[in-house]
C-alpha atoms as a PDB file:
ATOM      1  CA  MET A   1     108.257 -89.112 -64.457  1.00  0.00           C
ATOM      2  CA  SER A   2     109.582 -88.373 -60.845  1.00  0.00           C
ATOM      3  CA  PHE A   3     108.562 -84.259 -61.755  1.00  0.00           C
ATOM      4  CA  LEU A   4     104.805 -85.225 -62.781  1.00  0.00           C
ATOM      5  CA  THR A   5     104.084 -87.583 -59.474  1.00  0.00           C
ATOM      6  CA  GLY A   6     105.577 -85.066 -57.547  1.00  0.00           C
ATOM      7  CA  THR A   7     103.090 -82.594 -59.240  1.00  0.00           C
ATOM      8  CA  VAL A   8     100.101 -84.950 -58.430  1.00  0.00           C
ATOM      9  CA  SER A   9     100.973 -85.582 -54.866  1.00  0.00           C
ATOM     10  CA  LEU A  10     101.182 -82.265 -54.240  1.00  0.00           C
ATOM     11  CA  ILE A  11      97.974 -81.306 -55.489  1.00  0.00           C
ATOM     12  CA  SER A  12      95.985 -84.177 -53.860  1.00  0.00           C
ATOM     13  CA  CYS A  13      97.530 -82.897 -50.600  1.00  0.00           C
ATOM     14  CA  LEU A  14      95.877 -79.530 -51.318  1.00  0.00           C
ATOM     15  CA  ILE A  15      92.516 -81.112 -52.413  1.00  0.00           C
ATOM     16  CA  CYS A  16      92.700 -82.460 -49.245  1.00  0.00           C
ATOM     17  CA  GLY A  17      93.416 -79.844 -47.377  1.00  0.00           C
ATOM     18  CA  LEU A  18      90.642 -78.638 -48.580  1.00  0.00           C
ATOM     19  CA  ASN A  19      88.542 -80.781 -47.191  1.00  0.00           C
ATOM     20  CA  LYS A  20      89.819 -81.386 -44.000  1.00  0.00           C
ATOM     21  CA  ASN A  21      86.968 -80.797 -41.085  1.00  0.00           C
ATOM     22  CA  ARG A  22      88.702 -80.779 -37.928  1.00  0.00           C
ATOM     23  CA  VAL A  23      86.766 -83.073 -35.178  1.00  0.00           C
ATOM     24  CA  ARG A  24      87.232 -82.594 -31.564  1.00  0.00           C
ATOM     25  CA  ARG A  25      88.412 -85.099 -29.755  1.00  0.00           C
ATOM     26  CA  PHE A  26      85.208 -85.078 -27.004  1.00  0.00           C
ATOM     27  CA  ASP A  27      82.951 -83.129 -28.426  1.00  0.00           C
ATOM     28  CA  ARG A  28      81.027 -82.882 -24.872  1.00  0.00           C
ATOM     29  CA  GLU A  29      80.153 -80.092 -22.084  1.00  0.00           C
ATOM     30  CA  ILE A  30      81.983 -79.841 -19.555  1.00  0.00           C
ATOM     31  CA  ARG A  31      79.920 -79.977 -16.416  1.00  0.00           C
ATOM     32  CA  TRP A  32      80.378 -80.281 -12.997  1.00  0.00           C
ATOM     33  CA  TYR A  33      78.541 -83.775 -11.453  1.00  0.00           C
ATOM     34  CA  ILE A  34      75.468 -83.143  -9.370  1.00  0.00           C
ATOM     35  CA  LEU A  35      73.082 -85.695  -8.110  1.00  0.00           C
ATOM     36  CA  ASN A  36      69.344 -85.678  -8.740  1.00  0.00           C
ATOM     37  CA  ASP A  37      67.127 -83.262  -6.718  1.00  0.00           C
ATOM     38  CA  LEU A  38      63.732 -82.150  -6.838  1.00  0.00           C
ATOM     39  CA  SER A  39      64.383 -78.974  -8.963  1.00  0.00           C
ATOM     40  CA  ALA A  40      65.235 -81.273 -11.707  1.00  0.00           C
ATOM     41  CA  VAL A  41      61.450 -82.599 -11.652  1.00  0.00           C
ATOM     42  CA  ASP A  42      59.037 -81.158 -14.517  1.00  0.00           C
ATOM     43  CA  TRP A  43      55.734 -80.947 -12.468  1.00  0.00           C
ATOM     44  CA  GLU A  44      54.353 -79.288 -15.457  1.00  0.00           C
ATOM     45  CA  SER A  45      55.242 -82.394 -17.894  1.00  0.00           C
ATOM     46  CA  THR A  46      52.069 -83.426 -19.950  1.00  0.00           C
ATOM     47  CA  GLU A  47      53.137 -86.677 -21.037  1.00  0.00           C
ATOM     48  CA  ASP A  48      54.345 -88.435 -17.717  1.00  0.00           C
ATOM     49  CA  PRO A  49      52.615 -85.943 -15.140  1.00  0.00           C
ATOM     50  CA  GLN A  50      53.171 -86.781 -11.473  1.00  0.00           C
ATOM     51  CA  PRO A  51      50.831 -87.779  -9.122  1.00  0.00           C
ATOM     52  CA  LYS A  52      48.436 -85.975  -7.377  1.00  0.00           C
ATOM     53  CA  HIS A  53      49.870 -87.172  -3.969  1.00  0.00           C
ATOM     54  CA  LEU A  54      53.363 -86.615  -4.899  1.00  0.00           C
ATOM     55  CA  ARG A  55      53.106 -82.933  -5.985  1.00  0.00           C
ATOM     56  CA  ASP A  56      50.685 -82.102  -3.260  1.00  0.00           C
ATOM     57  CA  LEU A  57      54.491 -83.445  -1.222  1.00  0.00           C
ATOM     58  CA  PHE A  58      57.052 -82.104  -2.857  1.00  0.00           C
ATOM     59  CA  LYS A  59      56.300 -79.795  -5.251  1.00  0.00           C
ATOM     60  CA  THR A  60      57.492 -77.453  -2.721  1.00  0.00           C
ATOM     61  CA  LYS A  61      59.297 -77.768   0.356  1.00  0.00           C
ATOM     62  CA  LEU A  62      57.419 -78.700   3.076  1.00  0.00           C
ATOM     63  CA  MET A  63      58.142 -78.316   7.197  1.00  0.00           C
ATOM     64  CA  ALA A  64      58.255 -81.242   9.194  1.00  0.00           C
ATOM     65  CA  ASN A  65      54.484 -80.781  10.546  1.00  0.00           C
ATOM     66  CA  GLU A  66      53.179 -80.310   7.018  1.00  0.00           C
ATOM     67  CA  PHE A  67      54.760 -82.643   5.252  1.00  0.00           C
ATOM     68  CA  THR A  68      53.565 -85.465   8.272  1.00  0.00           C
ATOM     69  CA  ARG A  69      49.973 -83.368   7.878  1.00  0.00           C
ATOM     70  CA  GLY A  70      50.529 -84.248   4.247  1.00  0.00           C
ATOM     71  CA  LEU A  71      50.620 -88.526   4.645  1.00  0.00           C
ATOM     72  CA  SER A  72      47.795 -87.929   6.583  1.00  0.00           C
ATOM     73  CA  ASP A  73      45.217 -88.495   3.127  1.00  0.00           C
ATOM     74  CA  THR A  74      47.636 -91.344   2.104  1.00  0.00           C
ATOM     75  CA  THR A  75      47.550 -94.985   1.623  1.00  0.00           C
ATOM     76  CA  PRO A  76      50.196 -97.812   2.691  1.00  0.00           C
ATOM     77  CA  GLN A  77      50.673 -98.455  -1.400  1.00  0.00           C
ATOM     78  CA  GLN A  78      51.794 -94.711  -1.902  1.00  0.00           C
ATOM     79  CA  TRP A  79      53.650 -94.759   1.473  1.00  0.00           C
ATOM     80  CA  LYS A  80      56.180 -96.897  -0.701  1.00  0.00           C
ATOM     81  CA  ASP A  81      56.178 -94.398  -4.027  1.00  0.00           C
ATOM     82  CA  ILE A  82      56.755 -91.536  -1.604  1.00  0.00           C
ATOM     83  CA  VAL A  83      60.139 -92.977  -0.354  1.00  0.00           C
ATOM     84  CA  GLN A  84      60.647 -94.243  -3.564  1.00  0.00           C
ATOM     85  CA  PHE A  85      60.402 -91.171  -5.042  1.00  0.00           C
ATOM     86  CA  ALA A  86      62.448 -89.328  -2.501  1.00  0.00           C
ATOM     87  CA  LEU A  87      65.612 -91.969  -2.829  1.00  0.00           C
ATOM     88  CA  MET A  88      65.108 -90.783  -6.166  1.00  0.00           C
ATOM     89  CA  TYR A  89      65.635 -87.595  -5.945  1.00  0.00           C
ATOM     90  CA  HIS A  90      68.100 -87.403  -2.595  1.00  0.00           C
ATOM     91  CA  ALA A  91      65.446 -86.115  -0.431  1.00  0.00           C
ATOM     92  CA  GLU A  92      66.559 -87.915   2.666  1.00  0.00           C
ATOM     93  CA  GLU A  93      64.289 -86.140   5.348  1.00  0.00           C
ATOM     94  CA  GLU A  94      60.709 -86.628   3.514  1.00  0.00           C
ATOM     95  CA  VAL A  95      61.963 -90.605   3.535  1.00  0.00           C
ATOM     96  CA  PHE A  96      62.544 -90.600   7.197  1.00  0.00           C
ATOM     97  CA  TRP A  97      59.880 -88.319   7.406  1.00  0.00           C
ATOM     98  CA  THR A  98      57.391 -91.013   6.031  1.00  0.00           C
ATOM     99  CA  PHE A  99      58.719 -94.002   7.696  1.00  0.00           C
ATOM    100  CA  SER A 100      58.235 -91.923  11.242  1.00  0.00           C
ATOM    101  CA  PHE A 101      54.928 -91.187   9.951  1.00  0.00           C
ATOM    102  CA  VAL A 102      54.240 -94.974   8.887  1.00  0.00           C
ATOM    103  CA  ILE A 103      56.049 -96.214  12.411  1.00  0.00           C
ATOM    104  CA  SER A 104      53.864 -94.150  14.890  1.00  0.00           C
ATOM    105  CA  GLN A 105      50.206 -95.136  13.716  1.00  0.00           C
ATOM    106  CA  SER A 106      48.821 -96.916  15.942  1.00  0.00           C
ATOM    107  CA  LEU A 107      49.352-100.627  17.120  1.00  0.00           C
ATOM    108  CA  PRO A 108      50.234-103.107  16.014  1.00  0.00           C
ATOM    109  CA  LEU A 109      52.607-102.054  13.567  1.00  0.00           C
ATOM    110  CA  GLY A 110      51.977-102.671   9.535  1.00  0.00           C
ATOM    111  CA  ARG A 111      54.424-105.351   9.660  1.00  0.00           C
ATOM    112  CA  GLU A 112      54.938-105.343   5.295  1.00  0.00           C
ATOM    113  CA  SER A 113      54.105-101.782   5.208  1.00  0.00           C
ATOM    114  CA  VAL A 114      57.479-101.473   7.743  1.00  0.00           C
ATOM    115  CA  MET A 115      59.879-104.397   5.901  1.00  0.00           C
ATOM    116  CA  SER A 116      59.103-102.821   2.518  1.00  0.00           C
ATOM    117  CA  LEU A 117      60.347 -99.464   3.661  1.00  0.00           C
ATOM    118  CA  MET A 118      63.418-101.059   5.256  1.00  0.00           C
ATOM    119  CA  GLU A 119      64.275-102.950   2.778  1.00  0.00           C
ATOM    120  CA  LEU A 120      64.218 -99.723   0.587  1.00  0.00           C
ATOM    121  CA  HIS A 121      66.412 -98.044   2.736  1.00  0.00           C
ATOM    122  CA  PRO A 122      67.831 -99.939   5.248  1.00  0.00           C
ATOM    123  CA  PRO A 123      69.458 -96.578   7.742  1.00  0.00           C
ATOM    124  CA  LEU A 124      65.159 -96.872   8.216  1.00  0.00           C
ATOM    125  CA  VAL A 125      66.097 -99.591  10.536  1.00  0.00           C
ATOM    126  CA  PHE A 126      67.335 -96.761  13.510  1.00  0.00           C
ATOM    127  CA  SER A 127      64.363 -94.806  13.159  1.00  0.00           C
ATOM    128  CA  LEU A 128      62.625 -97.757  14.321  1.00  0.00           C
ATOM    129  CA  LEU A 129      64.993 -98.853  16.620  1.00  0.00           C
ATOM    130  CA  LYS A 130      64.732 -95.120  17.873  1.00  0.00           C
ATOM    131  CA  LYS A 131      60.833 -95.238  18.619  1.00  0.00           C
ATOM    132  CA  TYR A 132      60.592 -98.820  20.046  1.00  0.00           C
ATOM    133  CA  PRO A 133      63.319 -99.271  21.624  1.00  0.00           C
ATOM    134  CA  PRO A 134      65.037-102.743  23.028  1.00  0.00           C
ATOM    135  CA  ASP A 135      64.898-103.946  26.556  1.00  0.00           C
ATOM    136  CA  GLU A 136      67.863-102.656  28.171  1.00  0.00           C
ATOM    137  CA  THR A 137      67.696-105.844  30.534  1.00  0.00           C
ATOM    138  CA  GLU A 138      67.212-108.660  28.866  1.00  0.00           C
ATOM    139  CA  ASN A 139      68.484-106.717  25.138  1.00  0.00           C
ATOM    140  CA  VAL A 140      65.749-107.871  23.249  1.00  0.00           C
ATOM    141  CA  LEU A 141      63.072-106.318  21.057  1.00  0.00           C
ATOM    142  CA  PRO A 142      60.022-104.834  22.888  1.00  0.00           C
ATOM    143  CA  GLN A 143      56.475-106.658  22.388  1.00  0.00           C
ATOM    144  CA  GLU A 144      55.918-104.244  19.414  1.00  0.00           C
ATOM    145  CA  THR A 145      58.846-104.927  16.767  1.00  0.00           C
ATOM    146  CA  GLU A 146      59.416-108.302  17.888  1.00  0.00           C
ATOM    147  CA  ALA A 147      57.631-110.162  14.750  1.00  0.00           C
ATOM    148  CA  LEU A 148      59.913-108.248  13.113  1.00  0.00           C
ATOM    149  CA  GLU A 149      63.383-109.328  14.162  1.00  0.00           C
ATOM    150  CA  ARG A 150      64.492-110.874  11.339  1.00  0.00           C
ATOM    151  CA  SER A 151      64.069-107.644   9.025  1.00  0.00           C
ATOM    152  CA  ILE A 152      65.349-105.882  12.216  1.00  0.00           C
ATOM    153  CA  LEU A 153      68.615-107.649  12.361  1.00  0.00           C
ATOM    154  CA  HIS A 154      68.965-108.839   8.208  1.00  0.00           C
ATOM    155  CA  ASN A 155      68.668-104.755   7.688  1.00  0.00           C
ATOM    156  CA  THR A 156      71.451-103.999  10.589  1.00  0.00           C
ATOM    157  CA  ILE A 157      73.659-105.936   8.825  1.00  0.00           C
ATOM    158  CA  ARG A 158      72.913-103.931   5.289  1.00  0.00           C
ATOM    159  CA  CYS A 159      73.846-101.147   7.249  1.00  0.00           C
ATOM    160  CA  ALA A 160      77.575-101.989   7.845  1.00  0.00           C
ATOM    161  CA  ASN A 161      79.322-100.999   5.070  1.00  0.00           C
ATOM    162  CA  GLY A 162      78.843 -97.449   5.739  1.00  0.00           C
ATOM    163  CA  LEU A 163      77.385 -96.996   9.514  1.00  0.00           C
ATOM    164  CA  SER A 164      79.754 -99.735  11.145  1.00  0.00           C
ATOM    165  CA  LEU A 165      79.614 -98.124  14.697  1.00  0.00           C
ATOM    166  CA  ALA A 166      76.042 -97.716  14.455  1.00  0.00           C
ATOM    167  CA  THR A 167      75.552-101.151  13.735  1.00  0.00           C
ATOM    168  CA  LEU A 168      78.411-102.933  16.267  1.00  0.00           C
ATOM    169  CA  VAL A 169      76.166-100.574  19.036  1.00  0.00           C
ATOM    170  CA  ALA A 170      72.694-101.881  17.815  1.00  0.00           C
ATOM    171  CA  LEU A 171      73.738-105.895  17.404  1.00  0.00           C
ATOM    172  CA  GLU A 172      74.899-105.545  20.864  1.00  0.00           C
ATOM    173  CA  LYS A 173      71.845-104.188  22.328  1.00  0.00           C
ATOM    174  CA  LEU A 174      69.910-107.065  20.258  1.00  0.00           C
ATOM    175  CA  SER A 175      72.140-109.550  21.515  1.00  0.00           C
ATOM    176  CA  GLY A 176      69.062-111.311  24.069  1.00  0.00           C
ATOM    177  CA  THR A 177      67.290-111.486  20.660  1.00  0.00           C
ATOM    178  CA  ILE A 178      70.398-112.636  19.038  1.00  0.00           C
ATOM    179  CA  ALA A 179      70.534-115.398  21.589  1.00  0.00           C
ATOM    180  CA  ARG A 180      66.827-117.126  20.796  1.00  0.00           C
ATOM    181  CA  LEU A 181      66.771-117.217  17.190  1.00  0.00           C
ATOM    182  CA  SER A 182      66.659-120.294  15.298  1.00  0.00           C
ATOM    183  CA  ALA A 183      69.857-122.166  13.953  1.00  0.00           C
ATOM    184  CA  ASP A 184      68.430-121.920  10.288  1.00  0.00           C
ATOM    185  CA  VAL A 185      68.165-117.692  10.982  1.00  0.00           C
ATOM    186  CA  TYR A 186      71.207-117.365  12.904  1.00  0.00           C
ATOM    187  CA  PHE A 187      73.311-118.977  10.240  1.00  0.00           C
ATOM    188  CA  ASP A 188      71.788-116.675   7.500  1.00  0.00           C
ATOM    189  CA  LEU A 189      72.827-113.671   9.739  1.00  0.00           C
ATOM    190  CA  LEU A 190      76.447-114.897   9.547  1.00  0.00           C
ATOM    191  CA  MET A 191      76.200-115.604   5.981  1.00  0.00           C
ATOM    192  CA  GLN A 192      75.158-112.691   4.948  1.00  0.00           C
ATOM    193  CA  THR A 193      78.029-111.186   7.226  1.00  0.00           C
ATOM    194  CA  ALA A 194      80.314-112.839   5.351  1.00  0.00           C
ATOM    195  CA  LEU A 195      79.696-112.151   2.467  1.00  0.00           C
ATOM    196  CA  SER A 196      77.831-108.321   2.347  1.00  0.00           C
ATOM    197  CA  VAL A 197      80.755-106.879   4.401  1.00  0.00           C
ATOM    198  CA  ARG A 198      82.779-105.397   2.559  1.00  0.00           C
ATOM    199  CA  ALA A 199      85.855-103.900   5.324  1.00  0.00           C
ATOM    200  CA  PRO A 200      88.348-106.936   6.869  1.00  0.00           C
ATOM    201  CA  GLN A 201      87.737-105.063  10.265  1.00  0.00           C
ATOM    202  CA  VAL A 202      84.575-104.566  10.405  1.00  0.00           C
ATOM    203  CA  VAL A 203      83.622-108.114   9.216  1.00  0.00           C
ATOM    204  CA  GLN A 204      85.162-109.940  11.829  1.00  0.00           C
ATOM    205  CA  GLU A 205      83.644-107.580  14.592  1.00  0.00           C
ATOM    206  CA  VAL A 206      80.514-108.101  13.354  1.00  0.00           C
ATOM    207  CA  LEU A 207      80.949-111.840  12.890  1.00  0.00           C
ATOM    208  CA  PHE A 208      82.005-111.969  16.724  1.00  0.00           C
ATOM    209  CA  VAL A 209      79.262-109.912  18.006  1.00  0.00           C
ATOM    210  CA  LEU A 210      77.081-112.345  16.683  1.00  0.00           C
ATOM    211  CA  ASN A 211      79.071-115.195  18.371  1.00  0.00           C
ATOM    212  CA  ASP A 212      79.256-113.852  21.336  1.00  0.00           C
ATOM    213  CA  SER A 213      74.984-112.682  21.791  1.00  0.00           C
ATOM    214  CA  ARG A 214      74.341-115.994  21.176  1.00  0.00           C
ATOM    215  CA  ALA A 215      76.898-117.089  23.809  1.00  0.00           C
ATOM    216  CA  THR A 216      74.474-114.906  26.649  1.00  0.00           C
ATOM    217  CA  LEU A 217      71.928-117.549  27.489  1.00  0.00           C
ATOM    218  CA  ALA A 218      73.074-119.633  31.338  1.00  0.00           C
ATOM    219  CA  ASP A 219      72.313-123.297  29.812  1.00  0.00           C
ATOM    220  CA  ILE A 220      73.401-123.853  25.937  1.00  0.00           C
ATOM    221  CA  PRO A 221      72.637-127.208  25.086  1.00  0.00           C
ATOM    222  CA  PRO A 222      76.182-129.033  23.466  1.00  0.00           C
ATOM    223  CA  GLU A 223      74.598-129.231  20.083  1.00  0.00           C
ATOM    224  CA  GLN A 224      73.635-125.462  19.619  1.00  0.00           C
ATOM    225  CA  LYS A 225      77.625-124.682  20.785  1.00  0.00           C
ATOM    226  CA  TYR A 226      78.936-127.321  18.089  1.00  0.00           C
ATOM    227  CA  GLY A 227      76.598-125.492  15.667  1.00  0.00           C
ATOM    228  CA  ASN A 228      77.923-121.877  16.809  1.00  0.00           C
ATOM    229  CA  LYS A 229      81.225-123.066  16.472  1.00  0.00           C
ATOM    230  CA  PHE A 230      81.466-124.468  13.421  1.00  0.00           C
ATOM    231  CA  ALA A 231      79.135-121.775  11.760  1.00  0.00           C
ATOM    232  CA  LEU A 232      81.033-119.399  12.784  1.00  0.00           C
ATOM    233  CA  GLY A 233      84.332-120.816  11.031  1.00  0.00           C
ATOM    234  CA  ILE A 234      82.425-121.121   8.173  1.00  0.00           C
ATOM    235  CA  ALA A 235      81.375-117.667   8.074  1.00  0.00           C
ATOM    236  CA  PHE A 236      84.983-116.442   8.081  1.00  0.00           C
ATOM    237  CA  ASP A 237      86.035-119.312   5.073  1.00  0.00           C
ATOM    238  CA  ARG A 238      83.576-117.641   3.066  1.00  0.00           C
ATOM    239  CA  ALA A 239      84.478-113.520   4.357  1.00  0.00           C
ATOM    240  CA  GLU A 240      87.889-114.655   3.590  1.00  0.00           C
ATOM    241  CA  GLU A 241      87.084-116.233  -0.185  1.00  0.00           C
ATOM    242  CA  ALA A 242      84.246-113.336  -1.033  1.00  0.00           C
ATOM    243  CA  ALA A 243      88.067-110.486   0.320  1.00  0.00           C
ATOM    244  CA  ASP A 244      89.951-112.473  -2.560  1.00  0.00           C
ATOM    245  CA  GLU A 245      87.249-111.681  -5.327  1.00  0.00           C
ATOM    246  CA  CYS A 246      86.484-108.028  -4.318  1.00  0.00           C
ATOM    247  CA  PRO A 247      89.764-106.963  -2.328  1.00  0.00           C
ATOM    248  CA  CYS A 248      89.199-103.638  -0.437  1.00  0.00           C
ATOM    249  CA  ASN A 249      90.659-101.518   2.028  1.00  0.00           C
ATOM    250  CA  GLU A 250      89.946-100.072   5.824  1.00  0.00           C
ATOM    251  CA  ASP A 251      87.189 -98.476   4.536  1.00  0.00           C
ATOM    252  CA  GLY A 252      85.157-101.132   2.940  1.00  0.00           C
ATOM    253  CA  ARG A 253      86.783 -99.651  -0.670  1.00  0.00           C
ATOM    254  CA  PRO A 254      87.457-102.209  -3.353  1.00  0.00           C
ATOM    255  CA  ARG A 255      91.222-101.808  -3.979  1.00  0.00           C
ATOM    256  CA  LYS A 256      92.702-100.698  -7.297  1.00  0.00           C
ATOM    257  CA  GLN A 257      93.827-103.637  -8.757  1.00  0.00           C
ATOM    258  CA  ARG A 258      96.090-105.283 -12.023  1.00  0.00           C
ATOM    259  CA  THR A 259      93.554-107.580 -13.565  1.00  0.00           C
ATOM    260  CA  ALA A 260      89.450-107.275 -13.530  1.00  0.00           C
ATOM    261  CA  PRO A 261      87.606-109.401 -11.848  1.00  0.00           C
ATOM    262  CA  VAL A 262      85.998-112.545 -13.202  1.00  0.00           C
ATOM    263  CA  LYS A 263      82.314-111.694 -14.514  1.00  0.00           C
ATOM    264  CA  THR A 264      80.190-114.705 -13.695  1.00  0.00           C
ATOM    265  CA  THR A 265      77.338-115.356 -15.668  1.00  0.00           C
ATOM    266  CA  MET A 266      74.466-115.589 -13.680  1.00  0.00           C
ATOM    267  CA  GLN A 267      71.858-118.392 -14.764  1.00  0.00           C
ATOM    268  CA  GLN A 268      68.166-119.225 -13.340  1.00  0.00           C
ATOM    269  CA  VAL A 269      68.236-122.796 -12.653  1.00  0.00           C
ATOM    270  CA  PRO A 270      65.127-124.718 -10.836  1.00  0.00           C
ATOM    271  CA  GLU A 271      65.114-125.659  -8.116  1.00  0.00           C
ATOM    272  CA  ASN A 272      67.747-129.669  -6.991  1.00  0.00           C
ATOM    273  CA  PRO A 273      67.701-129.948  -3.549  1.00  0.00           C
ATOM    274  CA  LEU A 274      71.694-131.431  -4.441  1.00  0.00           C
ATOM    275  CA  GLN A 275      72.677-128.074  -5.437  1.00  0.00           C
ATOM    276  CA  VAL A 276      72.832-125.376  -2.706  1.00  0.00           C
ATOM    277  CA  LYS A 277      74.407-122.370  -2.587  1.00  0.00           C
ATOM    278  CA  VAL A 278      76.010-122.913   1.228  1.00  0.00           C
ATOM    279  CA  PRO A 279      76.295-126.704   1.076  1.00  0.00           C
ATOM    280  CA  MET A 280      78.228-126.812   4.485  1.00  0.00           C
ATOM    281  CA  MET A 281      76.270-124.075   6.134  1.00  0.00           C
ATOM    282  CA  ASP A 282      73.364-126.342   4.671  1.00  0.00           C
ATOM    283  CA  ALA A 283      74.478-130.114   6.323  1.00  0.00           C
ATOM    284  CA  LEU A 284      75.289-128.150   9.424  1.00  0.00           C
ATOM    285  CA  ILE A 285      71.884-126.653  10.161  1.00  0.00           C
ATOM    286  CA  ARG A 286      70.381-130.203   8.669  1.00  0.00           C
ATOM    287  CA  LEU A 287      71.888-132.358  11.236  1.00  0.00           C
ATOM    288  CA  LEU A 288      71.020-129.965  14.505  1.00  0.00           C
ATOM    289  CA  ILE A 289      66.790-129.637  13.134  1.00  0.00           C
ATOM    290  CA  GLU A 290      66.837-133.463  11.506  1.00  0.00           C
ATOM    291  CA  LYS A 291      69.421-135.084  14.217  1.00  0.00           C
ATOM    292  CA  GLU A 292      68.793-138.144  13.874  1.00  0.00           C
ATOM    293  CA  GLU A 293      67.104-138.859  10.757  1.00  0.00           C
ATOM    294  CA  CYS A 294      70.027-136.535   9.073  1.00  0.00           C
ATOM    295  CA  CYS A 295      73.042-139.099  10.865  1.00  0.00           C
ATOM    296  CA  ARG A 296      72.835-141.635  13.397  1.00  0.00           C
ATOM    297  CA  TYR A 297      76.109-140.265  14.983  1.00  0.00           C
ATOM    298  CA  HIS A 298      74.594-137.420  15.548  1.00  0.00           C
ATOM    299  CA  HIS A 299      74.744-137.217  19.802  1.00  0.00           C
ATOM    300  CA  LEU A 300      78.582-137.928  19.064  1.00  0.00           C
ATOM    301  CA  ILE A 301      79.884-135.189  16.511  1.00  0.00           C
ATOM    302  CA  THR A 302      77.550-132.715  18.695  1.00  0.00           C
ATOM    303  CA  GLY A 303      78.677-133.731  22.026  1.00  0.00           C
ATOM    304  CA  GLU A 304      75.125-134.376  23.456  1.00  0.00           C
ATOM    305  CA  THR A 305      76.170-138.184  24.502  1.00  0.00           C
ATOM    306  CA  SER A 306      79.904-139.193  25.014  1.00  0.00           C
ATOM    307  CA  GLY A 307      80.903-142.649  23.790  1.00  0.00           C
ATOM    308  CA  ASP A 308      81.255-144.144  27.459  1.00  0.00           C
ATOM    309  CA  GLU A 309      77.039-143.068  27.348  1.00  0.00           C
ATOM    310  CA  LEU A 310      75.915-145.488  24.737  1.00  0.00           C
ATOM    311  CA  PRO A 311      74.054-148.467  25.677  1.00  0.00           C
ATOM    312  CA  VAL A 312      76.553-151.474  24.619  1.00  0.00           C
ATOM    313  CA  THR A 313      75.483-154.541  23.010  1.00  0.00           C
ATOM    314  CA  THR A 314      77.201-157.845  22.654  1.00  0.00           C
ATOM    315  CA  PRO A 315      76.223-160.178  19.708  1.00  0.00           C
ATOM    316  CA  ASP A 316      74.623-163.631  20.705  1.00  0.00           C
ATOM    317  CA  PRO A 317      77.235-166.229  19.285  1.00  0.00           C
ATOM    318  CA  ILE A 318      75.012-168.640  19.109  1.00  0.00           C
ATOM    319  CA  ALA A 319      72.889-166.520  15.977  1.00  0.00           C
ATOM    320  CA  GLU A 320      74.242-166.853  12.424  1.00  0.00           C
ATOM    321  CA  PHE A 321      75.256-164.083  11.162  1.00  0.00           C
ATOM    322  CA  THR A 322      73.642-163.702   6.966  1.00  0.00           C
ATOM    323  CA  TYR A 323      75.004-162.120   4.471  1.00  0.00           C
ATOM    324  CA  GLY A 324      73.392-159.799   1.568  1.00  0.00           C
ATOM    325  CA  PRO A 325      72.978-161.165  -1.494  1.00  0.00           C
ATOM    326  CA  ASP A 326      75.193-158.431  -3.437  1.00  0.00           C
ATOM    327  CA  LEU A 327      78.185-159.387  -1.731  1.00  0.00           C
ATOM    328  CA  ASN A 328      80.815-161.938  -3.569  1.00  0.00           C
ATOM    329  CA  GLU A 329      83.584-164.109  -1.439  1.00  0.00           C
ATOM    330  CA  SER A 330      86.176-161.033  -1.113  1.00  0.00           C
ATOM    331  CA  HIS A 331      83.368-158.972   0.194  1.00  0.00           C
ATOM    332  CA  ILE A 332      82.889-161.376   2.585  1.00  0.00           C
ATOM    333  CA  GLU A 333      86.755-162.331   3.261  1.00  0.00           C
ATOM    334  CA  VAL A 334      87.379-158.508   4.618  1.00  0.00           C
ATOM    335  CA  ILE A 335      83.867-158.744   6.697  1.00  0.00           C
ATOM    336  CA  LYS A 336      85.496-161.543   8.874  1.00  0.00           C
ATOM    337  CA  SER A 337      88.720-160.117   8.847  1.00  0.00           C
ATOM    338  CA  CYS A 338      87.229-156.835  10.231  1.00  0.00           C
END
């Protein structure tokens, strides 16, 4: 019986050996990783042909002056398409040539075009600052770009992770513009810095530069001092929370962790005034803007008026105090004891 069992097993092994196919663990060809470039574009494709203005500018490598001449026949909508195409294929020179052409047009600048291109590639903000440099005396934007102050500061901070030194220098040269920002815009910059700049040292330096810029004015109202002080504290708290969720090294690169970061499912919710992203910062902005309408003791909180300066009213002993109908006897006794 055992002999027959061994014979059957041997035959089974021989059959399996004849039918066995060797499968590679990774059936792929090993290649070097190469970034997309213009050589990968199929210009002759008939199924998905490239637009004429892109073929004229990118099919053959052009010099800067030739590329600029080719841009003279394009429209503002095509400028955005050109920059997006150049970014897709890592043609950085063409990105900056296009933006230089846009900001060299006759004044006033095309606000929407300039803002949309800077949103696509934040380092373009430095080309704009080079073309229209800030005033060296007051450190404010010139008249040509003062309407773009919010977009310029926003995209300057977006560059902090890759161009930290240039970002700090640009913010210092714009200290006068930062000092004149409204409270809500300035607080937005603080929160953007706290939640987007990854390197711990850089986020501290950017926050301190923003805070120091607000102190450049000669006469700062007490309520503004109060707002700047507490907004800076809130921003640092948010930066620490962000660093706890995504620890990064000195270069701003995420550190290796034993456990994967928590995955948060984002959902679109209807607008609700009781559900805010940053309730502490929103409460501070509301206190500074609405003042007495928000809080009766606004002047005491912000330090605009001391307690001794408030008018003192003496109660009339003859006037009879009436209690509301919603108060029971125990409530009334508590009020009398006070």
